[in-house]
Amino acid sequence: MGGVSSAVFAAQGVFLLGNAFYSILFPASVANFQGSSLTGTPKGVVQCLGLTSLALGTYQLISAYQRDTAIMVSSVPSRVVAAWIMYRNGGNWTRVAAFEAIMAVLNGAALLWDGNLLD
């Protein structure tokens, strides 16, 4: 059990790690990216956000490796809440909200596929 959901969760973890390293190493690029919701944000704040992505990506990869379905299941409502909050902020955050909503559905579907969501 947990093969598909672990793969989906690991892929999301890798994405977060990529985002983390880019934000930490190139904060000025993130803060000056055309159309970004973070335009004008101080570099130190961008790097702190990158550290958050680093932690989340690391935890997701560990959880995927350990096939920790409790963490994977808990990510579904967490992503729904994140999507709702980001959508309410409007602007470019609506794109991030759509991503979070899609990931919630994808995680839920993978967990259902593996038979872990209803356990």
PDB file of N, CA and C in Angstrom:
ATOM      1  N   MET A   1       0.832  -1.201   0.000  1.00  0.00           N
ATOM      2  CA  MET A   1       0.000   0.000   0.000  1.00  0.00           C
ATOM      3  C   MET A   1       0.870   1.256   0.000  1.00  0.00           C
ATOM      4  N   GLY A   2       0.383   2.283  -0.614  1.00  0.00           N
ATOM      5  CA  GLY A   2       1.031   3.576  -0.538  1.00  0.00           C
ATOM      6  C   GLY A   2       1.928   3.920  -1.712  1.00  0.00           C
ATOM      7  N   GLY A   3       1.984   3.078  -2.751  1.00  0.00           N
ATOM      8  CA  GLY A   3       2.885   3.334  -3.861  1.00  0.00           C
ATOM      9  C   GLY A   3       2.565   4.596  -4.635  1.00  0.00           C
ATOM     10  N   VAL A   4       1.317   4.744  -5.075  1.00  0.00           N
ATOM     11  CA  VAL A   4       0.932   5.914  -5.863  1.00  0.00           C
ATOM     12  C   VAL A   4       0.934   7.163  -4.997  1.00  0.00           C
ATOM     13  N   SER A   5       0.353   7.068  -3.817  1.00  0.00           N
ATOM     14  CA  SER A   5       0.295   8.249  -2.945  1.00  0.00           C
ATOM     15  C   SER A   5       1.696   8.681  -2.516  1.00  0.00           C
ATOM     16  N   SER A   6       2.588   7.745  -2.286  1.00  0.00           N
ATOM     17  CA  SER A   6       3.963   8.093  -1.930  1.00  0.00           C
ATOM     18  C   SER A   6       4.665   8.782  -3.092  1.00  0.00           C
ATOM     19  N   ALA A   7       4.436   8.301  -4.300  1.00  0.00           N
ATOM     20  CA  ALA A   7       5.057   8.922  -5.476  1.00  0.00           C
ATOM     21  C   ALA A   7       4.536  10.340  -5.678  1.00  0.00           C
ATOM     22  N   VAL A   8       3.235  10.532  -5.531  1.00  0.00           N
ATOM     23  CA  VAL A   8       2.647  11.871  -5.677  1.00  0.00           C
ATOM     24  C   VAL A   8       3.190  12.797  -4.603  1.00  0.00           C
ATOM     25  N   PHE A   9       3.243  12.310  -3.383  1.00  0.00           N
ATOM     26  CA  PHE A   9       3.724  13.117  -2.266  1.00  0.00           C
ATOM     27  C   PHE A   9       5.205  13.463  -2.444  1.00  0.00           C
ATOM     28  N   ALA A  10       5.988  12.493  -2.917  1.00  0.00           N
ATOM     29  CA  ALA A  10       7.413  12.738  -3.147  1.00  0.00           C
ATOM     30  C   ALA A  10       7.615  13.771  -4.254  1.00  0.00           C
ATOM     31  N   ALA A  11       6.831  13.684  -5.311  1.00  0.00           N
ATOM     32  CA  ALA A  11       6.948  14.661  -6.404  1.00  0.00           C
ATOM     33  C   ALA A  11       6.669  16.072  -5.898  1.00  0.00           C
ATOM     34  N   GLN A  12       5.678  16.203  -5.039  1.00  0.00           N
ATOM     35  CA  GLN A  12       5.377  17.511  -4.464  1.00  0.00           C
ATOM     36  C   GLN A  12       6.518  17.977  -3.561  1.00  0.00           C
ATOM     37  N   GLY A  13       7.134  17.052  -2.852  1.00  0.00           N
ATOM     38  CA  GLY A  13       8.275  17.395  -2.009  1.00  0.00           C
ATOM     39  C   GLY A  13       9.453  17.889  -2.827  1.00  0.00           C
ATOM     40  N   VAL A  14       9.712  17.242  -3.955  1.00  0.00           N
ATOM     41  CA  VAL A  14      10.804  17.662  -4.832  1.00  0.00           C
ATOM     42  C   VAL A  14      10.523  19.066  -5.382  1.00  0.00           C
ATOM     43  N   PHE A  15       9.281  19.324  -5.768  1.00  0.00           N
ATOM     44  CA  PHE A  15       8.894  20.659  -6.245  1.00  0.00           C
ATOM     45  C   PHE A  15       9.153  21.708  -5.161  1.00  0.00           C
ATOM     46  N   LEU A  16       8.760  21.397  -3.929  1.00  0.00           N
ATOM     47  CA  LEU A  16       8.983  22.331  -2.826  1.00  0.00           C
ATOM     48  C   LEU A  16      10.470  22.570  -2.578  1.00  0.00           C
ATOM     49  N   LEU A  17      11.275  21.527  -2.680  1.00  0.00           N
ATOM     50  CA  LEU A  17      12.716  21.700  -2.490  1.00  0.00           C
ATOM     51  C   LEU A  17      13.320  22.589  -3.576  1.00  0.00           C
ATOM     52  N   GLY A  18      12.862  22.408  -4.812  1.00  0.00           N
ATOM     53  CA  GLY A  18      13.336  23.273  -5.891  1.00  0.00           C
ATOM     54  C   GLY A  18      12.973  24.724  -5.628  1.00  0.00           C
ATOM     55  N   ASN A  19      11.733  24.942  -5.205  1.00  0.00           N
ATOM     56  CA  ASN A  19      11.279  26.286  -4.855  1.00  0.00           C
ATOM     57  C   ASN A  19      12.104  26.843  -3.699  1.00  0.00           C
ATOM     58  N   ALA A  20      12.387  26.011  -2.722  1.00  0.00           N
ATOM     59  CA  ALA A  20      13.152  26.432  -1.546  1.00  0.00           C
ATOM     60  C   ALA A  20      14.550  26.889  -1.935  1.00  0.00           C
ATOM     61  N   PHE A  21      15.254  26.048  -2.667  1.00  0.00           N
ATOM     62  CA  PHE A  21      16.622  26.387  -3.029  1.00  0.00           C
ATOM     63  C   PHE A  21      16.679  27.647  -3.899  1.00  0.00           C
ATOM     64  N   TYR A  22      15.730  27.779  -4.827  1.00  0.00           N
ATOM     65  CA  TYR A  22      15.710  28.978  -5.669  1.00  0.00           C
ATOM     66  C   TYR A  22      15.449  30.228  -4.824  1.00  0.00           C
ATOM     67  N   SER A  23      14.489  30.138  -3.900  1.00  0.00           N
ATOM     68  CA  SER A  23      14.155  31.284  -3.048  1.00  0.00           C
ATOM     69  C   SER A  23      15.300  31.655  -2.109  1.00  0.00           C
ATOM     70  N   ILE A  24      15.996  30.654  -1.602  1.00  0.00           N
ATOM     71  CA  ILE A  24      17.104  30.903  -0.670  1.00  0.00           C
ATOM     72  C   ILE A  24      18.328  31.447  -1.412  1.00  0.00           C
ATOM     73  N   LEU A  25      18.641  30.871  -2.571  1.00  0.00           N
ATOM     74  CA  LEU A  25      19.839  31.262  -3.298  1.00  0.00           C
ATOM     75  C   LEU A  25      19.672  32.520  -4.148  1.00  0.00           C
ATOM     76  N   PHE A  26      18.449  32.757  -4.642  1.00  0.00           N
ATOM     77  CA  PHE A  26      18.202  33.888  -5.536  1.00  0.00           C
ATOM     78  C   PHE A  26      17.002  34.712  -5.078  1.00  0.00           C
ATOM     79  N   PRO A  27      17.022  35.227  -3.847  1.00  0.00           N
ATOM     80  CA  PRO A  27      15.849  35.950  -3.326  1.00  0.00           C
ATOM     81  C   PRO A  27      15.518  37.216  -4.121  1.00  0.00           C
ATOM     82  N   ALA A  28      16.530  37.889  -4.643  1.00  0.00           N
ATOM     83  CA  ALA A  28      16.263  39.102  -5.422  1.00  0.00           C
ATOM     84  C   ALA A  28      15.483  38.766  -6.686  1.00  0.00           C
ATOM     85  N   SER A  29      15.790  37.638  -7.291  1.00  0.00           N
ATOM     86  CA  SER A  29      15.069  37.206  -8.487  1.00  0.00           C
ATOM     87  C   SER A  29      13.600  36.940  -8.172  1.00  0.00           C
ATOM     88  N   VAL A  30      13.349  36.296  -7.040  1.00  0.00           N
ATOM     89  CA  VAL A  30      11.973  36.012  -6.621  1.00  0.00           C
ATOM     90  C   VAL A  30      11.239  37.314  -6.310  1.00  0.00           C
ATOM     91  N   ALA A  31      11.906  38.222  -5.623  1.00  0.00           N
ATOM     92  CA  ALA A  31      11.289  39.481  -5.213  1.00  0.00           C
ATOM     93  C   ALA A  31      11.065  40.431  -6.380  1.00  0.00           C
ATOM     94  N   ASN A  32      11.770  40.213  -7.486  1.00  0.00           N
ATOM     95  CA  ASN A  32      11.631  41.098  -8.644  1.00  0.00           C
ATOM     96  C   ASN A  32      11.003  40.423  -9.852  1.00  0.00           C
ATOM     97  N   PHE A  33      10.505  39.208  -9.660  1.00  0.00           N
ATOM     98  CA  PHE A  33       9.889  38.462 -10.754  1.00  0.00           C
ATOM     99  C   PHE A  33       8.629  39.188 -11.223  1.00  0.00           C
ATOM    100  N   GLN A  34       8.552  39.458 -12.519  1.00  0.00           N
ATOM    101  CA  GLN A  34       7.424  40.204 -13.074  1.00  0.00           C
ATOM    102  C   GLN A  34       6.097  39.505 -12.779  1.00  0.00           C
ATOM    103  N   GLY A  35       5.193  40.218 -12.156  1.00  0.00           N
ATOM    104  CA  GLY A  35       3.862  39.688 -11.854  1.00  0.00           C
ATOM    105  C   GLY A  35       3.792  38.842 -10.601  1.00  0.00           C
ATOM    106  N   SER A  36       4.905  38.701  -9.896  1.00  0.00           N
ATOM    107  CA  SER A  36       4.921  37.889  -8.690  1.00  0.00           C
ATOM    108  C   SER A  36       4.158  38.565  -7.555  1.00  0.00           C
ATOM    109  N   SER A  37       3.522  37.767  -6.731  1.00  0.00           N
ATOM    110  CA  SER A  37       2.859  38.283  -5.536  1.00  0.00           C
ATOM    111  C   SER A  37       3.866  38.753  -4.503  1.00  0.00           C
ATOM    112  N   LEU A  38       5.124  38.391  -4.692  1.00  0.00           N
ATOM    113  CA  LEU A  38       6.173  38.769  -3.746  1.00  0.00           C
ATOM    114  C   LEU A  38       6.999  39.961  -4.225  1.00  0.00           C
ATOM    115  N   THR A  39       6.564  40.611  -5.307  1.00  0.00           N
ATOM    116  CA  THR A  39       7.300  41.759  -5.832  1.00  0.00           C
ATOM    117  C   THR A  39       7.499  42.807  -4.740  1.00  0.00           C
ATOM    118  N   GLY A  40       8.751  43.201  -4.563  1.00  0.00           N
ATOM    119  CA  GLY A  40       9.075  44.212  -3.573  1.00  0.00           C
ATOM    120  C   GLY A  40       9.289  43.681  -2.168  1.00  0.00           C
ATOM    121  N   THR A  41       9.113  42.401  -1.974  1.00  0.00           N
ATOM    122  CA  THR A  41       9.328  41.804  -0.651  1.00  0.00           C
ATOM    123  C   THR A  41      10.821  41.796  -0.347  1.00  0.00           C
ATOM    124  N   PRO A  42      11.210  42.181   0.861  1.00  0.00           N
ATOM    125  CA  PRO A  42      12.640  42.153   1.206  1.00  0.00           C
ATOM    126  C   PRO A  42      13.246  40.761   1.016  1.00  0.00           C
ATOM    127  N   LYS A  43      14.511  40.739   0.594  1.00  0.00           N
ATOM    128  CA  LYS A  43      15.192  39.473   0.305  1.00  0.00           C
ATOM    129  C   LYS A  43      15.204  38.530   1.504  1.00  0.00           C
ATOM    130  N   GLY A  44      15.370  39.066   2.705  1.00  0.00           N
ATOM    131  CA  GLY A  44      15.381  38.223   3.897  1.00  0.00           C
ATOM    132  C   GLY A  44      14.059  37.514   4.119  1.00  0.00           C
ATOM    133  N   VAL A  45      12.966  38.183   3.812  1.00  0.00           N
ATOM    134  CA  VAL A  45      11.643  37.565   3.953  1.00  0.00           C
ATOM    135  C   VAL A  45      11.476  36.447   2.923  1.00  0.00           C
ATOM    136  N   VAL A  46      11.935  36.705   1.693  1.00  0.00           N
ATOM    137  CA  VAL A  46      11.857  35.677   0.648  1.00  0.00           C
ATOM    138  C   VAL A  46      12.662  34.451   1.072  1.00  0.00           C
ATOM    139  N   GLN A  47      13.829  34.673   1.652  1.00  0.00           N
ATOM    140  CA  GLN A  47      14.645  33.542   2.103  1.00  0.00           C
ATOM    141  C   GLN A  47      13.972  32.784   3.241  1.00  0.00           C
ATOM    142  N   CYS A  48      13.305  33.486   4.138  1.00  0.00           N
ATOM    143  CA  CYS A  48      12.568  32.818   5.222  1.00  0.00           C
ATOM    144  C   CYS A  48      11.424  31.976   4.653  1.00  0.00           C
ATOM    145  N   LEU A  49      10.746  32.494   3.651  1.00  0.00           N
ATOM    146  CA  LEU A  49       9.705  31.699   2.981  1.00  0.00           C
ATOM    147  C   LEU A  49      10.334  30.471   2.326  1.00  0.00           C
ATOM    148  N   GLY A  50      11.525  30.654   1.772  1.00  0.00           N
ATOM    149  CA  GLY A  50      12.238  29.530   1.186  1.00  0.00           C
ATOM    150  C   GLY A  50      12.587  28.465   2.217  1.00  0.00           C
ATOM    151  N   LEU A  51      12.929  28.902   3.422  1.00  0.00           N
ATOM    152  CA  LEU A  51      13.209  27.937   4.498  1.00  0.00           C
ATOM    153  C   LEU A  51      11.963  27.136   4.862  1.00  0.00           C
ATOM    154  N   THR A  52      10.821  27.787   4.796  1.00  0.00           N
ATOM    155  CA  THR A  52       9.559  27.075   5.047  1.00  0.00           C
ATOM    156  C   THR A  52       9.342  26.006   3.982  1.00  0.00           C
ATOM    157  N   SER A  53       9.587  26.353   2.727  1.00  0.00           N
ATOM    158  CA  SER A  53       9.465  25.369   1.649  1.00  0.00           C
ATOM    159  C   SER A  53      10.485  24.250   1.816  1.00  0.00           C
ATOM    160  N   LEU A  54      11.682  24.592   2.295  1.00  0.00           N
ATOM    161  CA  LEU A  54      12.709  23.573   2.535  1.00  0.00           C
ATOM    162  C   LEU A  54      12.234  22.569   3.585  1.00  0.00           C
ATOM    163  N   ALA A  55      11.669  23.076   4.661  1.00  0.00           N
ATOM    164  CA  ALA A  55      11.168  22.190   5.720  1.00  0.00           C
ATOM    165  C   ALA A  55      10.015  21.328   5.210  1.00  0.00           C
ATOM    166  N   LEU A  56       9.049  21.948   4.549  1.00  0.00           N
ATOM    167  CA  LEU A  56       7.899  21.186   4.057  1.00  0.00           C
ATOM    168  C   LEU A  56       8.314  20.138   3.030  1.00  0.00           C
ATOM    169  N   GLY A  57       9.190  20.520   2.116  1.00  0.00           N
ATOM    170  CA  GLY A  57       9.653  19.559   1.111  1.00  0.00           C
ATOM    171  C   GLY A  57      10.393  18.388   1.740  1.00  0.00           C
ATOM    172  N   THR A  58      11.226  18.682   2.729  1.00  0.00           N
ATOM    173  CA  THR A  58      11.955  17.622   3.429  1.00  0.00           C
ATOM    174  C   THR A  58      10.995  16.685   4.142  1.00  0.00           C
ATOM    175  N   TYR A  59      10.019  17.257   4.855  1.00  0.00           N
ATOM    176  CA  TYR A  59       9.037  16.432   5.564  1.00  0.00           C
ATOM    177  C   TYR A  59       8.218  15.591   4.591  1.00  0.00           C
ATOM    178  N   GLN A  60       7.883  16.169   3.445  1.00  0.00           N
ATOM    179  CA  GLN A  60       7.102  15.404   2.476  1.00  0.00           C
ATOM    180  C   GLN A  60       7.912  14.236   1.916  1.00  0.00           C
ATOM    181  N   LEU A  61       9.186  14.462   1.637  1.00  0.00           N
ATOM    182  CA  LEU A  61      10.008  13.365   1.122  1.00  0.00           C
ATOM    183  C   LEU A  61      10.196  12.268   2.166  1.00  0.00           C
ATOM    184  N   ILE A  62      10.403  12.661   3.406  1.00  0.00           N
ATOM    185  CA  ILE A  62      10.539  11.667   4.480  1.00  0.00           C
ATOM    186  C   ILE A  62       9.239  10.891   4.640  1.00  0.00           C
ATOM    187  N   SER A  63       8.121  11.595   4.631  1.00  0.00           N
ATOM    188  CA  SER A  63       6.809  10.943   4.771  1.00  0.00           C
ATOM    189  C   SER A  63       6.539  10.006   3.608  1.00  0.00           C
ATOM    190  N   ALA A  64       6.910  10.422   2.404  1.00  0.00           N
ATOM    191  CA  ALA A  64       6.709   9.561   1.236  1.00  0.00           C
ATOM    192  C   ALA A  64       7.573   8.304   1.349  1.00  0.00           C
ATOM    193  N   TYR A  65       8.825   8.481   1.758  1.00  0.00           N
ATOM    194  CA  TYR A  65       9.731   7.341   1.911  1.00  0.00           C
ATOM    195  C   TYR A  65       9.211   6.360   2.963  1.00  0.00           C
ATOM    196  N   GLN A  66       8.699   6.907   4.071  1.00  0.00           N
ATOM    197  CA  GLN A  66       8.193   6.064   5.155  1.00  0.00           C
ATOM    198  C   GLN A  66       6.757   5.604   4.912  1.00  0.00           C
ATOM    199  N   ARG A  67       6.163   6.097   3.822  1.00  0.00           N
ATOM    200  CA  ARG A  67       4.760   5.788   3.493  1.00  0.00           C
ATOM    201  C   ARG A  67       3.853   6.115   4.677  1.00  0.00           C
ATOM    202  N   ASP A  68       4.075   7.300   5.230  1.00  0.00           N
ATOM    203  CA  ASP A  68       3.313   7.781   6.387  1.00  0.00           C
ATOM    204  C   ASP A  68       1.972   8.343   5.907  1.00  0.00           C
ATOM    205  N   THR A  69       0.990   7.474   5.861  1.00  0.00           N
ATOM    206  CA  THR A  69      -0.302   7.885   5.309  1.00  0.00           C
ATOM    207  C   THR A  69      -1.010   8.920   6.182  1.00  0.00           C
ATOM    208  N   ALA A  70      -0.743   8.937   7.477  1.00  0.00           N
ATOM    209  CA  ALA A  70      -1.385   9.941   8.337  1.00  0.00           C
ATOM    210  C   ALA A  70      -0.972  11.348   7.907  1.00  0.00           C
ATOM    211  N   ILE A  71       0.304  11.535   7.608  1.00  0.00           N
ATOM    212  CA  ILE A  71       0.785  12.839   7.134  1.00  0.00           C
ATOM    213  C   ILE A  71       0.184  13.134   5.763  1.00  0.00           C
ATOM    214  N   MET A  72       0.156  12.147   4.892  1.00  0.00           N
ATOM    215  CA  MET A  72      -0.393  12.359   3.556  1.00  0.00           C
ATOM    216  C   MET A  72      -1.876  12.718   3.610  1.00  0.00           C
ATOM    217  N   VAL A  73      -2.624  12.016   4.446  1.00  0.00           N
ATOM    218  CA  VAL A  73      -4.057  12.309   4.590  1.00  0.00           C
ATOM    219  C   VAL A  73      -4.251  13.705   5.166  1.00  0.00           C
ATOM    220  N   SER A  74      -3.443  14.077   6.151  1.00  0.00           N
ATOM    221  CA  SER A  74      -3.597  15.401   6.765  1.00  0.00           C
ATOM    222  C   SER A  74      -3.276  16.527   5.795  1.00  0.00           C
ATOM    223  N   SER A  75      -2.519  16.228   4.735  1.00  0.00           N
ATOM    224  CA  SER A  75      -2.186  17.265   3.760  1.00  0.00           C
ATOM    225  C   SER A  75      -3.401  17.677   2.916  1.00  0.00           C
ATOM    226  N   VAL A  76      -4.375  16.786   2.796  1.00  0.00           N
ATOM    227  CA  VAL A  76      -5.538  17.099   1.948  1.00  0.00           C
ATOM    228  C   VAL A  76      -6.324  18.283   2.521  1.00  0.00           C
ATOM    229  N   PRO A  77      -6.818  18.226   3.767  1.00  0.00           N
ATOM    230  CA  PRO A  77      -7.537  19.404   4.277  1.00  0.00           C
ATOM    231  C   PRO A  77      -6.632  20.624   4.442  1.00  0.00           C
ATOM    232  N   SER A  78      -5.359  20.401   4.732  1.00  0.00           N
ATOM    233  CA  SER A  78      -4.428  21.529   4.857  1.00  0.00           C
ATOM    234  C   SER A  78      -4.315  22.281   3.539  1.00  0.00           C
ATOM    235  N   ARG A  79      -4.244  21.561   2.455  1.00  0.00           N
ATOM    236  CA  ARG A  79      -4.157  22.196   1.134  1.00  0.00           C
ATOM    237  C   ARG A  79      -5.465  22.891   0.765  1.00  0.00           C
ATOM    238  N   VAL A  80      -6.586  22.327   1.169  1.00  0.00           N
ATOM    239  CA  VAL A  80      -7.876  22.976   0.909  1.00  0.00           C
ATOM    240  C   VAL A  80      -7.945  24.314   1.644  1.00  0.00           C
ATOM    241  N   VAL A  81      -7.530  24.327   2.900  1.00  0.00           N
ATOM    242  CA  VAL A  81      -7.522  25.577   3.676  1.00  0.00           C
ATOM    243  C   VAL A  81      -6.556  26.576   3.044  1.00  0.00           C
ATOM    244  N   ALA A  82      -5.378  26.114   2.653  1.00  0.00           N
ATOM    245  CA  ALA A  82      -4.406  27.002   2.011  1.00  0.00           C
ATOM    246  C   ALA A  82      -4.986  27.586   0.727  1.00  0.00           C
ATOM    247  N   ALA A  83      -5.640  26.750  -0.066  1.00  0.00           N
ATOM    248  CA  ALA A  83      -6.242  27.227  -1.318  1.00  0.00           C
ATOM    249  C   ALA A  83      -7.298  28.288  -1.039  1.00  0.00           C
ATOM    250  N   TRP A  84      -8.113  28.067  -0.037  1.00  0.00           N
ATOM    251  CA  TRP A  84      -9.167  29.026   0.308  1.00  0.00           C
ATOM    252  C   TRP A  84      -8.566  30.370   0.729  1.00  0.00           C
ATOM    253  N   ILE A  85      -7.566  30.327   1.593  1.00  0.00           N
ATOM    254  CA  ILE A  85      -6.939  31.567   2.069  1.00  0.00           C
ATOM    255  C   ILE A  85      -6.264  32.304   0.913  1.00  0.00           C
ATOM    256  N   MET A  86      -5.533  31.580   0.100  1.00  0.00           N
ATOM    257  CA  MET A  86      -4.837  32.220  -1.009  1.00  0.00           C
ATOM    258  C   MET A  86      -5.810  32.785  -2.039  1.00  0.00           C
ATOM    259  N   TYR A  87      -6.873  32.060  -2.295  1.00  0.00           N
ATOM    260  CA  TYR A  87      -7.882  32.548  -3.244  1.00  0.00           C
ATOM    261  C   TYR A  87      -8.508  33.855  -2.743  1.00  0.00           C
ATOM    262  N   ARG A  88      -8.779  33.917  -1.454  1.00  0.00           N
ATOM    263  CA  ARG A  88      -9.361  35.132  -0.868  1.00  0.00           C
ATOM    264  C   ARG A  88      -8.431  36.334  -0.980  1.00  0.00           C
ATOM    265  N   ASN A  89      -7.129  36.099  -1.041  1.00  0.00           N
ATOM    266  CA  ASN A  89      -6.175  37.192  -1.185  1.00  0.00           C
ATOM    267  C   ASN A  89      -6.141  37.754  -2.606  1.00  0.00           C
ATOM    268  N   GLY A  90      -6.690  37.023  -3.557  1.00  0.00           N
ATOM    269  CA  GLY A  90      -6.812  37.518  -4.924  1.00  0.00           C
ATOM    270  C   GLY A  90      -5.489  37.692  -5.643  1.00  0.00           C
ATOM    271  N   GLY A  91      -5.559  38.408  -6.746  1.00  0.00           N
ATOM    272  CA  GLY A  91      -4.364  38.662  -7.551  1.00  0.00           C
ATOM    273  C   GLY A  91      -3.693  37.376  -7.990  1.00  0.00           C
ATOM    274  N   ASN A  92      -2.361  37.411  -7.972  1.00  0.00           N
ATOM    275  CA  ASN A  92      -1.588  36.236  -8.388  1.00  0.00           C
ATOM    276  C   ASN A  92      -1.736  35.058  -7.429  1.00  0.00           C
ATOM    277  N   TRP A  93      -2.235  35.323  -6.228  1.00  0.00           N
ATOM    278  CA  TRP A  93      -2.435  34.237  -5.266  1.00  0.00           C
ATOM    279  C   TRP A  93      -3.499  33.264  -5.742  1.00  0.00           C
ATOM    280  N   THR A  94      -4.381  33.696  -6.659  1.00  0.00           N
ATOM    281  CA  THR A  94      -5.406  32.770  -7.156  1.00  0.00           C
ATOM    282  C   THR A  94      -4.776  31.619  -7.923  1.00  0.00           C
ATOM    283  N   ARG A  95      -3.639  31.876  -8.573  1.00  0.00           N
ATOM    284  CA  ARG A  95      -2.936  30.788  -9.277  1.00  0.00           C
ATOM    285  C   ARG A  95      -2.352  29.785  -8.285  1.00  0.00           C
ATOM    286  N   VAL A  96      -1.796  30.317  -7.210  1.00  0.00           N
ATOM    287  CA  VAL A  96      -1.252  29.440  -6.173  1.00  0.00           C
ATOM    288  C   VAL A  96      -2.403  28.657  -5.524  1.00  0.00           C
ATOM    289  N   ALA A  97      -3.538  29.316  -5.340  1.00  0.00           N
ATOM    290  CA  ALA A  97      -4.714  28.644  -4.773  1.00  0.00           C
ATOM    291  C   ALA A  97      -5.154  27.496  -5.674  1.00  0.00           C
ATOM    292  N   ALA A  98      -5.151  27.723  -6.972  1.00  0.00           N
ATOM    293  CA  ALA A  98      -5.530  26.652  -7.914  1.00  0.00           C
ATOM    294  C   ALA A  98      -4.557  25.484  -7.809  1.00  0.00           C
ATOM    295  N   PHE A  99      -3.271  25.780  -7.703  1.00  0.00           N
ATOM    296  CA  PHE A  99      -2.261  24.728  -7.546  1.00  0.00           C
ATOM    297  C   PHE A  99      -2.520  23.922  -6.277  1.00  0.00           C
ATOM    298  N   GLU A 100      -2.775  24.623  -5.164  1.00  0.00           N
ATOM    299  CA  GLU A 100      -3.041  23.942  -3.889  1.00  0.00           C
ATOM    300  C   GLU A 100      -4.291  23.061  -3.986  1.00  0.00           C
ATOM    301  N   ALA A 101      -5.325  23.573  -4.632  1.00  0.00           N
ATOM    302  CA  ALA A 101      -6.561  22.793  -4.781  1.00  0.00           C
ATOM    303  C   ALA A 101      -6.320  21.553  -5.637  1.00  0.00           C
ATOM    304  N   ILE A 102      -5.571  21.716  -6.718  1.00  0.00           N
ATOM    305  CA  ILE A 102      -5.262  20.570  -7.579  1.00  0.00           C
ATOM    306  C   ILE A 102      -4.445  19.532  -6.814  1.00  0.00           C
ATOM    307  N   MET A 103      -3.489  19.992  -6.010  1.00  0.00           N
ATOM    308  CA  MET A 103      -2.671  19.058  -5.231  1.00  0.00           C
ATOM    309  C   MET A 103      -3.510  18.342  -4.167  1.00  0.00           C
ATOM    310  N   ALA A 104      -4.482  19.035  -3.588  1.00  0.00           N
ATOM    311  CA  ALA A 104      -5.378  18.392  -2.618  1.00  0.00           C
ATOM    312  C   ALA A 104      -6.156  17.264  -3.295  1.00  0.00           C
ATOM    313  N   VAL A 105      -6.686  17.559  -4.473  1.00  0.00           N
ATOM    314  CA  VAL A 105      -7.446  16.544  -5.217  1.00  0.00           C
ATOM    315  C   VAL A 105      -6.533  15.399  -5.633  1.00  0.00           C
ATOM    316  N   LEU A 106      -5.347  15.734  -6.137  1.00  0.00           N
ATOM    317  CA  LEU A 106      -4.397  14.699  -6.567  1.00  0.00           C
ATOM    318  C   LEU A 106      -3.969  13.816  -5.400  1.00  0.00           C
ATOM    319  N   ASN A 107      -3.662  14.429  -4.253  1.00  0.00           N
ATOM    320  CA  ASN A 107      -3.309  13.637  -3.063  1.00  0.00           C
ATOM    321  C   ASN A 107      -4.471  12.749  -2.638  1.00  0.00           C
ATOM    322  N   GLY A 108      -5.671  13.323  -2.591  1.00  0.00           N
ATOM    323  CA  GLY A 108      -6.846  12.544  -2.198  1.00  0.00           C
ATOM    324  C   GLY A 108      -7.087  11.375  -3.138  1.00  0.00           C
ATOM    325  N   ALA A 109      -6.977  11.637  -4.446  1.00  0.00           N
ATOM    326  CA  ALA A 109      -7.185  10.571  -5.431  1.00  0.00           C
ATOM    327  C   ALA A 109      -6.133   9.474  -5.298  1.00  0.00           C
ATOM    328  N   ALA A 110      -4.871   9.863  -5.088  1.00  0.00           N
ATOM    329  CA  ALA A 110      -3.802   8.867  -4.927  1.00  0.00           C
ATOM    330  C   ALA A 110      -4.014   8.035  -3.669  1.00  0.00           C
ATOM    331  N   LEU A 111      -4.440   8.689  -2.605  1.00  0.00           N
ATOM    332  CA  LEU A 111      -4.722   7.961  -1.353  1.00  0.00           C
ATOM    333  C   LEU A 111      -5.896   7.005  -1.537  1.00  0.00           C
ATOM    334  N   LEU A 112      -6.921   7.447  -2.249  1.00  0.00           N
ATOM    335  CA  LEU A 112      -8.048   6.563  -2.543  1.00  0.00           C
ATOM    336  C   LEU A 112      -7.582   5.379  -3.395  1.00  0.00           C
ATOM    337  N   TRP A 113      -6.780   5.658  -4.403  1.00  0.00           N
ATOM    338  CA  TRP A 113      -6.253   4.614  -5.294  1.00  0.00           C
ATOM    339  C   TRP A 113      -5.514   3.550  -4.485  1.00  0.00           C
ATOM    340  N   ASP A 114      -4.713   4.008  -3.521  1.00  0.00           N
ATOM    341  CA  ASP A 114      -3.944   3.081  -2.691  1.00  0.00           C
ATOM    342  C   ASP A 114      -4.774   2.460  -1.580  1.00  0.00           C
ATOM    343  N   GLY A 115      -6.005   2.938  -1.397  1.00  0.00           N
ATOM    344  CA  GLY A 115      -6.861   2.407  -0.345  1.00  0.00           C
ATOM    345  C   GLY A 115      -6.545   2.940   1.031  1.00  0.00           C
ATOM    346  N   ASN A 116      -5.871   4.102   1.111  1.00  0.00           N
ATOM    347  CA  ASN A 116      -5.440   4.637   2.385  1.00  0.00           C
ATOM    348  C   ASN A 116      -6.325   5.740   2.939  1.00  0.00           C
ATOM    349  N   LEU A 117      -7.143   6.364   2.105  1.00  0.00           N
ATOM    350  CA  LEU A 117      -7.903   7.508   2.568  1.00  0.00           C
ATOM    351  C   LEU A 117      -9.066   7.096   3.463  1.00  0.00           C
ATOM    352  N   LEU A 118      -9.602   5.939   3.239  1.00  0.00           N
ATOM    353  CA  LEU A 118     -10.777   5.520   4.002  1.00  0.00           C
ATOM    354  C   LEU A 118     -10.448   4.592   5.143  1.00  0.00           C
ATOM    355  N   ASP A 119      -9.152   4.345   5.377  1.00  0.00           N
ATOM    356  CA  ASP A 119      -8.751   3.457   6.489  1.00  0.00           C
ATOM    357  C   ASP A 119      -9.024   4.072   7.833  1.00  0.00           C
TER     358      ASP A 119
END
